[in-house]
Amino acid sequence: MVTTEARWVSFIDKGTTPSGKTRRWEVRSKQGGDVLGIVQWWPAWRRYTFQPAYPTTFEQDCLRDIASFIEAATTAHKEADSAR
């Protein structure tokens, strides 16, 4: 299990979806380890998205960490897809 660290959150690789085409990551707070949500592929938008857990609250720095991770994951997925 691979974990990616950002300033405020950790992204824990949960493996691929049942189809095996895309990955999923659990997002956890580095302070306290609470589950904040999950990053997974959203087919209608053709990109990774963050789906927050309820109830969670975010401030701008945490959201930047999540947005940067999503952007990088989407870019990597699209590059790998075009290389096939």
PDB file of N, CA and C in Angstrom:
ATOM      1  N   MET A   1       0.852  -1.182   0.000  1.00  0.00           N
ATOM      2  CA  MET A   1       0.000   0.000   0.000  1.00  0.00           C
ATOM      3  C   MET A   1       0.894   1.241   0.000  1.00  0.00           C
ATOM      4  N   VAL A   2       0.714   2.097  -1.002  1.00  0.00           N
ATOM      5  CA  VAL A   2       1.528   3.294  -1.152  1.00  0.00           C
ATOM      6  C   VAL A   2       0.780   4.483  -0.580  1.00  0.00           C
ATOM      7  N   THR A   3       1.490   5.277   0.184  1.00  0.00           N
ATOM      8  CA  THR A   3       0.906   6.488   0.749  1.00  0.00           C
ATOM      9  C   THR A   3       1.655   7.692   0.210  1.00  0.00           C
ATOM     10  N   THR A   4       0.920   8.683  -0.256  1.00  0.00           N
ATOM     11  CA  THR A   4       1.493   9.939  -0.719  1.00  0.00           C
ATOM     12  C   THR A   4       1.191  10.984   0.338  1.00  0.00           C
ATOM     13  N   GLU A   5       2.215  11.719   0.721  1.00  0.00           N
ATOM     14  CA  GLU A   5       2.057  12.717   1.775  1.00  0.00           C
ATOM     15  C   GLU A   5       2.005  14.120   1.189  1.00  0.00           C
ATOM     16  N   ALA A   6       1.101  14.914   1.679  1.00  0.00           N
ATOM     17  CA  ALA A   6       1.056  16.343   1.398  1.00  0.00           C
ATOM     18  C   ALA A   6       1.227  17.054   2.740  1.00  0.00           C
ATOM     19  N   ARG A   7       1.109  18.335   2.759  1.00  0.00           N
ATOM     20  CA  ARG A   7       1.332  19.067   4.003  1.00  0.00           C
ATOM     21  C   ARG A   7       0.324  18.700   5.082  1.00  0.00           C
ATOM     22  N   TRP A   8      -0.969  18.636   4.724  1.00  0.00           N
ATOM     23  CA  TRP A   8      -2.015  18.437   5.711  1.00  0.00           C
ATOM     24  C   TRP A   8      -2.714  17.095   5.628  1.00  0.00           C
ATOM     25  N   VAL A   9      -2.555  16.403   4.507  1.00  0.00           N
ATOM     26  CA  VAL A   9      -3.288  15.155   4.299  1.00  0.00           C
ATOM     27  C   VAL A   9      -2.378  14.072   3.742  1.00  0.00           C
ATOM     28  N   SER A  10      -2.834  12.825   3.895  1.00  0.00           N
ATOM     29  CA  SER A  10      -2.171  11.663   3.304  1.00  0.00           C
ATOM     30  C   SER A  10      -3.142  11.001   2.340  1.00  0.00           C
ATOM     31  N   PHE A  11      -2.607  10.490   1.246  1.00  0.00           N
ATOM     32  CA  PHE A  11      -3.403   9.791   0.245  1.00  0.00           C
ATOM     33  C   PHE A  11      -2.963   8.331   0.269  1.00  0.00           C
ATOM     34  N   ILE A  12      -3.839   7.447   0.704  1.00  0.00           N
ATOM     35  CA  ILE A  12      -3.515   6.026   0.834  1.00  0.00           C
ATOM     36  C   ILE A  12      -4.083   5.289  -0.373  1.00  0.00           C
ATOM     37  N   ASP A  13      -3.194   4.686  -1.145  1.00  0.00           N
ATOM     38  CA  ASP A  13      -3.593   3.960  -2.347  1.00  0.00           C
ATOM     39  C   ASP A  13      -4.414   2.750  -1.952  1.00  0.00           C
ATOM     40  N   LYS A  14      -5.651   2.688  -2.421  1.00  0.00           N
ATOM     41  CA  LYS A  14      -6.556   1.583  -2.105  1.00  0.00           C
ATOM     42  C   LYS A  14      -6.677   0.604  -3.268  1.00  0.00           C
ATOM     43  N   GLY A  15      -5.796   0.732  -4.250  1.00  0.00           N
ATOM     44  CA  GLY A  15      -5.809  -0.186  -5.385  1.00  0.00           C
ATOM     45  C   GLY A  15      -6.748   0.283  -6.481  1.00  0.00           C
ATOM     46  N   THR A  16      -7.021  -0.632  -7.402  1.00  0.00           N
ATOM     47  CA  THR A  16      -7.854  -0.278  -8.539  1.00  0.00           C
ATOM     48  C   THR A  16      -9.322  -0.584  -8.272  1.00  0.00           C
ATOM     49  N   THR A  17     -10.154   0.005  -9.093  1.00  0.00           N
ATOM     50  CA  THR A  17     -11.587  -0.268  -9.061  1.00  0.00           C
ATOM     51  C   THR A  17     -11.808  -1.702  -9.538  1.00  0.00           C
ATOM     52  N   PRO A  18     -13.001  -2.250  -9.366  1.00  0.00           N
ATOM     53  CA  PRO A  18     -13.258  -3.620  -9.833  1.00  0.00           C
ATOM     54  C   PRO A  18     -12.933  -3.833 -11.311  1.00  0.00           C
ATOM     55  N   SER A  19     -13.078  -2.790 -12.126  1.00  0.00           N
ATOM     56  CA  SER A  19     -12.762  -2.920 -13.555  1.00  0.00           C
ATOM     57  C   SER A  19     -11.252  -2.988 -13.786  1.00  0.00           C
ATOM     58  N   GLY A  20     -10.477  -2.522 -12.821  1.00  0.00           N
ATOM     59  CA  GLY A  20      -9.020  -2.514 -12.941  1.00  0.00           C
ATOM     60  C   GLY A  20      -8.480  -1.365 -13.774  1.00  0.00           C
ATOM     61  N   LYS A  21      -9.341  -0.453 -14.191  1.00  0.00           N
ATOM     62  CA  LYS A  21      -8.916   0.628 -15.081  1.00  0.00           C
ATOM     63  C   LYS A  21      -8.411   1.861 -14.357  1.00  0.00           C
ATOM     64  N   THR A  22      -8.936   2.147 -13.176  1.00  0.00           N
ATOM     65  CA  THR A  22      -8.546   3.364 -12.454  1.00  0.00           C
ATOM     66  C   THR A  22      -8.230   3.034 -10.999  1.00  0.00           C
ATOM     67  N   ARG A  23      -7.509   3.943 -10.358  1.00  0.00           N
ATOM     68  CA  ARG A  23      -7.105   3.756  -8.965  1.00  0.00           C
ATOM     69  C   ARG A  23      -8.031   4.538  -8.045  1.00  0.00           C
ATOM     70  N   ARG A  24      -7.941   4.216  -6.751  1.00  0.00           N
ATOM     71  CA  ARG A  24      -8.674   4.932  -5.698  1.00  0.00           C
ATOM     72  C   ARG A  24      -7.703   5.239  -4.567  1.00  0.00           C
ATOM     73  N   TRP A  25      -7.892   6.374  -3.921  1.00  0.00           N
ATOM     74  CA  TRP A  25      -7.082   6.758  -2.764  1.00  0.00           C
ATOM     75  C   TRP A  25      -7.996   7.233  -1.655  1.00  0.00           C
ATOM     76  N   GLU A  26      -7.716   6.776  -0.450  1.00  0.00           N
ATOM     77  CA  GLU A  26      -8.404   7.282   0.736  1.00  0.00           C
ATOM     78  C   GLU A  26      -7.639   8.507   1.203  1.00  0.00           C
ATOM     79  N   VAL A  27      -8.338   9.568   1.527  1.00  0.00           N
ATOM     80  CA  VAL A  27      -7.720  10.809   1.989  1.00  0.00           C
ATOM     81  C   VAL A  27      -7.901  10.881   3.502  1.00  0.00           C
ATOM     82  N   ARG A  28      -6.766  11.010   4.216  1.00  0.00           N
ATOM     83  CA  ARG A  28      -6.798  11.066   5.683  1.00  0.00           C
ATOM     84  C   ARG A  28      -6.080  12.306   6.184  1.00  0.00           C
ATOM     85  N   SER A  29      -6.587  12.824   7.282  1.00  0.00           N
ATOM     86  CA  SER A  29      -5.949  13.944   7.950  1.00  0.00           C
ATOM     87  C   SER A  29      -4.641  13.469   8.566  1.00  0.00           C
ATOM     88  N   LYS A  30      -3.573  14.244   8.393  1.00  0.00           N
ATOM     89  CA  LYS A  30      -2.303  13.885   9.027  1.00  0.00           C
ATOM     90  C   LYS A  30      -2.365  14.131  10.525  1.00  0.00           C
ATOM     91  N   GLN A  31      -3.234  15.010  10.947  1.00  0.00           N
ATOM     92  CA  GLN A  31      -3.403  15.293  12.363  1.00  0.00           C
ATOM     93  C   GLN A  31      -4.655  14.566  12.838  1.00  0.00           C
ATOM     94  N   GLY A  32      -4.485  13.428  13.430  1.00  0.00           N
ATOM     95  CA  GLY A  32      -5.607  12.655  13.938  1.00  0.00           C
ATOM     96  C   GLY A  32      -5.970  11.446  13.100  1.00  0.00           C
ATOM     97  N   GLY A  33      -5.595  11.438  11.820  1.00  0.00           N
ATOM     98  CA  GLY A  33      -5.841  10.284  10.974  1.00  0.00           C
ATOM     99  C   GLY A  33      -7.276  10.069  10.542  1.00  0.00           C
ATOM    100  N   ASP A  34      -8.129  11.079  10.692  1.00  0.00           N
ATOM    101  CA  ASP A  34      -9.530  10.933  10.296  1.00  0.00           C
ATOM    102  C   ASP A  34      -9.661  10.761   8.788  1.00  0.00           C
ATOM    103  N   VAL A  35     -10.612   9.922   8.356  1.00  0.00           N
ATOM    104  CA  VAL A  35     -10.903   9.769   6.935  1.00  0.00           C
ATOM    105  C   VAL A  35     -11.673  11.001   6.477  1.00  0.00           C
ATOM    106  N   LEU A  36     -11.128  11.690   5.475  1.00  0.00           N
ATOM    107  CA  LEU A  36     -11.750  12.908   4.961  1.00  0.00           C
ATOM    108  C   LEU A  36     -12.570  12.651   3.705  1.00  0.00           C
ATOM    109  N   GLY A  37     -12.261  11.562   3.016  1.00  0.00           N
ATOM    110  CA  GLY A  37     -12.978  11.241   1.785  1.00  0.00           C
ATOM    111  C   GLY A  37     -12.168  10.311   0.918  1.00  0.00           C
ATOM    112  N   ILE A  38     -12.530  10.254  -0.365  1.00  0.00           N
ATOM    113  CA  ILE A  38     -11.850   9.378  -1.305  1.00  0.00           C
ATOM    114  C   ILE A  38     -11.657  10.110  -2.629  1.00  0.00           C
ATOM    115  N   VAL A  39     -10.528   9.823  -3.267  1.00  0.00           N
ATOM    116  CA  VAL A  39     -10.272  10.309  -4.620  1.00  0.00           C
ATOM    117  C   VAL A  39     -10.484   9.121  -5.544  1.00  0.00           C
ATOM    118  N   GLN A  40     -11.388   9.294  -6.519  1.00  0.00           N
ATOM    119  CA  GLN A  40     -11.615   8.236  -7.489  1.00  0.00           C
ATOM    120  C   GLN A  40     -12.056   8.839  -8.814  1.00  0.00           C
ATOM    121  N   TRP A  41     -11.963   8.022  -9.859  1.00  0.00           N
ATOM    122  CA  TRP A  41     -12.286   8.458 -11.212  1.00  0.00           C
ATOM    123  C   TRP A  41     -13.779   8.743 -11.330  1.00  0.00           C
ATOM    124  N   TRP A  42     -14.117   9.856 -11.987  1.00  0.00           N
ATOM    125  CA  TRP A  42     -15.498  10.216 -12.260  1.00  0.00           C
ATOM    126  C   TRP A  42     -15.669  10.166 -13.780  1.00  0.00           C
ATOM    127  N   PRO A  43     -16.258   9.082 -14.291  1.00  0.00           N
ATOM    128  CA  PRO A  43     -16.301   8.873 -15.750  1.00  0.00           C
ATOM    129  C   PRO A  43     -16.976  10.008 -16.534  1.00  0.00           C
ATOM    130  N   ALA A  44     -18.029  10.571 -16.005  1.00  0.00           N
ATOM    131  CA  ALA A  44     -18.741  11.618 -16.739  1.00  0.00           C
ATOM    132  C   ALA A  44     -17.862  12.843 -16.998  1.00  0.00           C
ATOM    133  N   TRP A  45     -16.929  13.105 -16.091  1.00  0.00           N
ATOM    134  CA  TRP A  45     -16.042  14.255 -16.238  1.00  0.00           C
ATOM    135  C   TRP A  45     -14.676  13.863 -16.783  1.00  0.00           C
ATOM    136  N   ARG A  46     -14.427  12.553 -16.917  1.00  0.00           N
ATOM    137  CA  ARG A  46     -13.156  12.014 -17.400  1.00  0.00           C
ATOM    138  C   ARG A  46     -11.955  12.569 -16.623  1.00  0.00           C
ATOM    139  N   ARG A  47     -12.101  12.509 -15.286  1.00  0.00           N
ATOM    140  CA  ARG A  47     -11.010  12.956 -14.404  1.00  0.00           C
ATOM    141  C   ARG A  47     -11.249  12.428 -12.993  1.00  0.00           C
ATOM    142  N   TYR A  48     -10.181  12.470 -12.196  1.00  0.00           N
ATOM    143  CA  TYR A  48     -10.323  12.099 -10.794  1.00  0.00           C
ATOM    144  C   TYR A  48     -11.021  13.234 -10.047  1.00  0.00           C
ATOM    145  N   THR A  49     -11.810  12.864  -9.049  1.00  0.00           N
ATOM    146  CA  THR A  49     -12.506  13.836  -8.213  1.00  0.00           C
ATOM    147  C   THR A  49     -12.347  13.449  -6.744  1.00  0.00           C
ATOM    148  N   PHE A  50     -12.581  14.408  -5.885  1.00  0.00           N
ATOM    149  CA  PHE A  50     -12.576  14.171  -4.445  1.00  0.00           C
ATOM    150  C   PHE A  50     -14.010  14.088  -3.971  1.00  0.00           C
ATOM    151  N   GLN A  51     -14.325  13.012  -3.278  1.00  0.00           N
ATOM    152  CA  GLN A  51     -15.659  12.817  -2.724  1.00  0.00           C
ATOM    153  C   GLN A  51     -15.533  12.830  -1.202  1.00  0.00           C
ATOM    154  N   PRO A  52     -15.885  13.958  -0.589  1.00  0.00           N
ATOM    155  CA  PRO A  52     -15.666  14.111   0.855  1.00  0.00           C
ATOM    156  C   PRO A  52     -16.586  13.230   1.701  1.00  0.00           C
ATOM    157  N   ALA A  53     -16.067  12.847   2.847  1.00  0.00           N
ATOM    158  CA  ALA A  53     -16.862  12.130   3.844  1.00  0.00           C
ATOM    159  C   ALA A  53     -17.700  13.159   4.597  1.00  0.00           C
ATOM    160  N   TYR A  54     -18.771  12.695   5.195  1.00  0.00           N
ATOM    161  CA  TYR A  54     -19.641  13.582   5.967  1.00  0.00           C
ATOM    162  C   TYR A  54     -19.472  13.292   7.444  1.00  0.00           C
ATOM    163  N   PRO A  55     -19.391  14.214   8.305  1.00  0.00           N
ATOM    164  CA  PRO A  55     -19.212  15.637   8.096  1.00  0.00           C
ATOM    165  C   PRO A  55     -17.722  15.980   8.107  1.00  0.00           C
ATOM    166  N   THR A  56     -17.273  16.719   7.161  1.00  0.00           N
ATOM    167  CA  THR A  56     -15.882  17.169   7.125  1.00  0.00           C
ATOM    168  C   THR A  56     -15.857  18.658   6.818  1.00  0.00           C
ATOM    169  N   THR A  57     -14.805  19.304   7.269  1.00  0.00           N
ATOM    170  CA  THR A  57     -14.614  20.732   7.038  1.00  0.00           C
ATOM    171  C   THR A  57     -13.206  20.935   6.511  1.00  0.00           C
ATOM    172  N   PHE A  58     -13.053  21.817   5.523  1.00  0.00           N
ATOM    173  CA  PHE A  58     -11.759  22.038   4.889  1.00  0.00           C
ATOM    174  C   PHE A  58     -11.446  23.525   4.833  1.00  0.00           C
ATOM    175  N   GLU A  59     -10.168  23.831   4.923  1.00  0.00           N
ATOM    176  CA  GLU A  59      -9.718  25.191   4.702  1.00  0.00           C
ATOM    177  C   GLU A  59      -8.861  25.194   3.431  1.00  0.00           C
ATOM    178  N   GLN A  60      -8.456  26.373   2.992  1.00  0.00           N
ATOM    179  CA  GLN A  60      -7.852  26.521   1.676  1.00  0.00           C
ATOM    180  C   GLN A  60      -6.564  25.724   1.478  1.00  0.00           C
ATOM    181  N   ASP A  61      -5.697  25.616   2.477  1.00  0.00           N
ATOM    182  CA  ASP A  61      -4.442  24.885   2.299  1.00  0.00           C
ATOM    183  C   ASP A  61      -4.685  23.397   2.112  1.00  0.00           C
ATOM    184  N   CYS A  62      -5.600  22.836   2.874  1.00  0.00           N
ATOM    185  CA  CYS A  62      -5.953  21.426   2.741  1.00  0.00           C
ATOM    186  C   CYS A  62      -6.575  21.174   1.363  1.00  0.00           C
ATOM    187  N   LEU A  63      -7.458  22.058   0.942  1.00  0.00           N
ATOM    188  CA  LEU A  63      -8.086  21.914  -0.374  1.00  0.00           C
ATOM    189  C   LEU A  63      -7.059  22.017  -1.501  1.00  0.00           C
ATOM    190  N   ARG A  64      -6.043  22.866  -1.333  1.00  0.00           N
ATOM    191  CA  ARG A  64      -4.972  22.966  -2.339  1.00  0.00           C
ATOM    192  C   ARG A  64      -4.200  21.654  -2.434  1.00  0.00           C
ATOM    193  N   ASP A  65      -3.904  21.046  -1.271  1.00  0.00           N
ATOM    194  CA  ASP A  65      -3.223  19.750  -1.275  1.00  0.00           C
ATOM    195  C   ASP A  65      -4.035  18.718  -2.052  1.00  0.00           C
ATOM    196  N   ILE A  66      -5.329  18.671  -1.797  1.00  0.00           N
ATOM    197  CA  ILE A  66      -6.208  17.702  -2.460  1.00  0.00           C
ATOM    198  C   ILE A  66      -6.298  18.015  -3.953  1.00  0.00           C
ATOM    199  N   ALA A  67      -6.482  19.279  -4.297  1.00  0.00           N
ATOM    200  CA  ALA A  67      -6.595  19.667  -5.706  1.00  0.00           C
ATOM    201  C   ALA A  67      -5.312  19.355  -6.476  1.00  0.00           C
ATOM    202  N   SER A  68      -4.161  19.601  -5.876  1.00  0.00           N
ATOM    203  CA  SER A  68      -2.884  19.293  -6.533  1.00  0.00           C
ATOM    204  C   SER A  68      -2.747  17.796  -6.781  1.00  0.00           C
ATOM    205  N   PHE A  69      -3.139  16.998  -5.804  1.00  0.00           N
ATOM    206  CA  PHE A  69      -3.074  15.542  -5.956  1.00  0.00           C
ATOM    207  C   PHE A  69      -4.000  15.079  -7.081  1.00  0.00           C
ATOM    208  N   ILE A  70      -5.225  15.583  -7.107  1.00  0.00           N
ATOM    209  CA  ILE A  70      -6.193  15.199  -8.135  1.00  0.00           C
ATOM    210  C   ILE A  70      -5.677  15.578  -9.526  1.00  0.00           C
ATOM    211  N   GLU A  71      -5.125  16.765  -9.641  1.00  0.00           N
ATOM    212  CA  GLU A  71      -4.603  17.221 -10.927  1.00  0.00           C
ATOM    213  C   GLU A  71      -3.475  16.307 -11.411  1.00  0.00           C
ATOM    214  N   ALA A  72      -2.555  15.963 -10.519  1.00  0.00           N
ATOM    215  CA  ALA A  72      -1.443  15.081 -10.883  1.00  0.00           C
ATOM    216  C   ALA A  72      -1.927  13.678 -11.241  1.00  0.00           C
ATOM    217  N   ALA A  73      -2.892  13.147 -10.477  1.00  0.00           N
ATOM    218  CA  ALA A  73      -3.416  11.805 -10.753  1.00  0.00           C
ATOM    219  C   ALA A  73      -4.138  11.769 -12.092  1.00  0.00           C
ATOM    220  N   THR A  74      -4.907  12.799 -12.401  1.00  0.00           N
ATOM    221  CA  THR A  74      -5.624  12.860 -13.673  1.00  0.00           C
ATOM    222  C   THR A  74      -4.638  12.950 -14.834  1.00  0.00           C
ATOM    223  N   THR A  75      -3.630  13.783 -14.706  1.00  0.00           N
ATOM    224  CA  THR A  75      -2.620  13.918 -15.760  1.00  0.00           C
ATOM    225  C   THR A  75      -1.899  12.596 -15.982  1.00  0.00           C
ATOM    226  N   ALA A  76      -1.489  11.945 -14.916  1.00  0.00           N
ATOM    227  CA  ALA A  76      -0.786  10.659 -15.038  1.00  0.00           C
ATOM    228  C   ALA A  76      -1.682   9.602 -15.696  1.00  0.00           C
ATOM    229  N   HIS A  77      -2.952   9.576 -15.330  1.00  0.00           N
ATOM    230  CA  HIS A  77      -3.886   8.606 -15.912  1.00  0.00           C
ATOM    231  C   HIS A  77      -4.053   8.847 -17.412  1.00  0.00           C
ATOM    232  N   LYS A  78      -4.234  10.092 -17.796  1.00  0.00           N
ATOM    233  CA  LYS A  78      -4.439  10.417 -19.208  1.00  0.00           C
ATOM    234  C   LYS A  78      -3.189  10.153 -20.030  1.00  0.00           C
ATOM    235  N   GLU A  79      -2.002  10.428 -19.460  1.00  0.00           N
ATOM    236  CA  GLU A  79      -0.749  10.141 -20.169  1.00  0.00           C
ATOM    237  C   GLU A  79      -0.556   8.636 -20.345  1.00  0.00           C
ATOM    238  N   ALA A  80      -0.857   7.873 -19.308  1.00  0.00           N
ATOM    239  CA  ALA A  80      -0.730   6.415 -19.404  1.00  0.00           C
ATOM    240  C   ALA A  80      -1.734   5.851 -20.409  1.00  0.00           C
ATOM    241  N   ASP A  81      -2.921   6.421 -20.438  1.00  0.00           N
ATOM    242  CA  ASP A  81      -3.969   5.972 -21.363  1.00  0.00           C
ATOM    243  C   ASP A  81      -3.571   6.253 -22.810  1.00  0.00           C
ATOM    244  N   SER A  82      -2.971   7.415 -23.062  1.00  0.00           N
ATOM    245  CA  SER A  82      -2.577   7.755 -24.427  1.00  0.00           C
ATOM    246  C   SER A  82      -1.336   6.988 -24.884  1.00  0.00           C
ATOM    247  N   ALA A  83      -0.556   6.473 -23.931  1.00  0.00           N
ATOM    248  CA  ALA A  83       0.635   5.684 -24.267  1.00  0.00           C
ATOM    249  C   ALA A  83       0.257   4.271 -24.709  1.00  0.00           C
ATOM    250  N   ARG A  84      -0.958   3.831 -24.368  1.00  0.00           N
ATOM    251  CA  ARG A  84      -1.392   2.472 -24.738  1.00  0.00           C
ATOM    252  C   ARG A  84      -1.731   2.360 -26.167  1.00  0.00           C
TER     253      ARG A  84
END
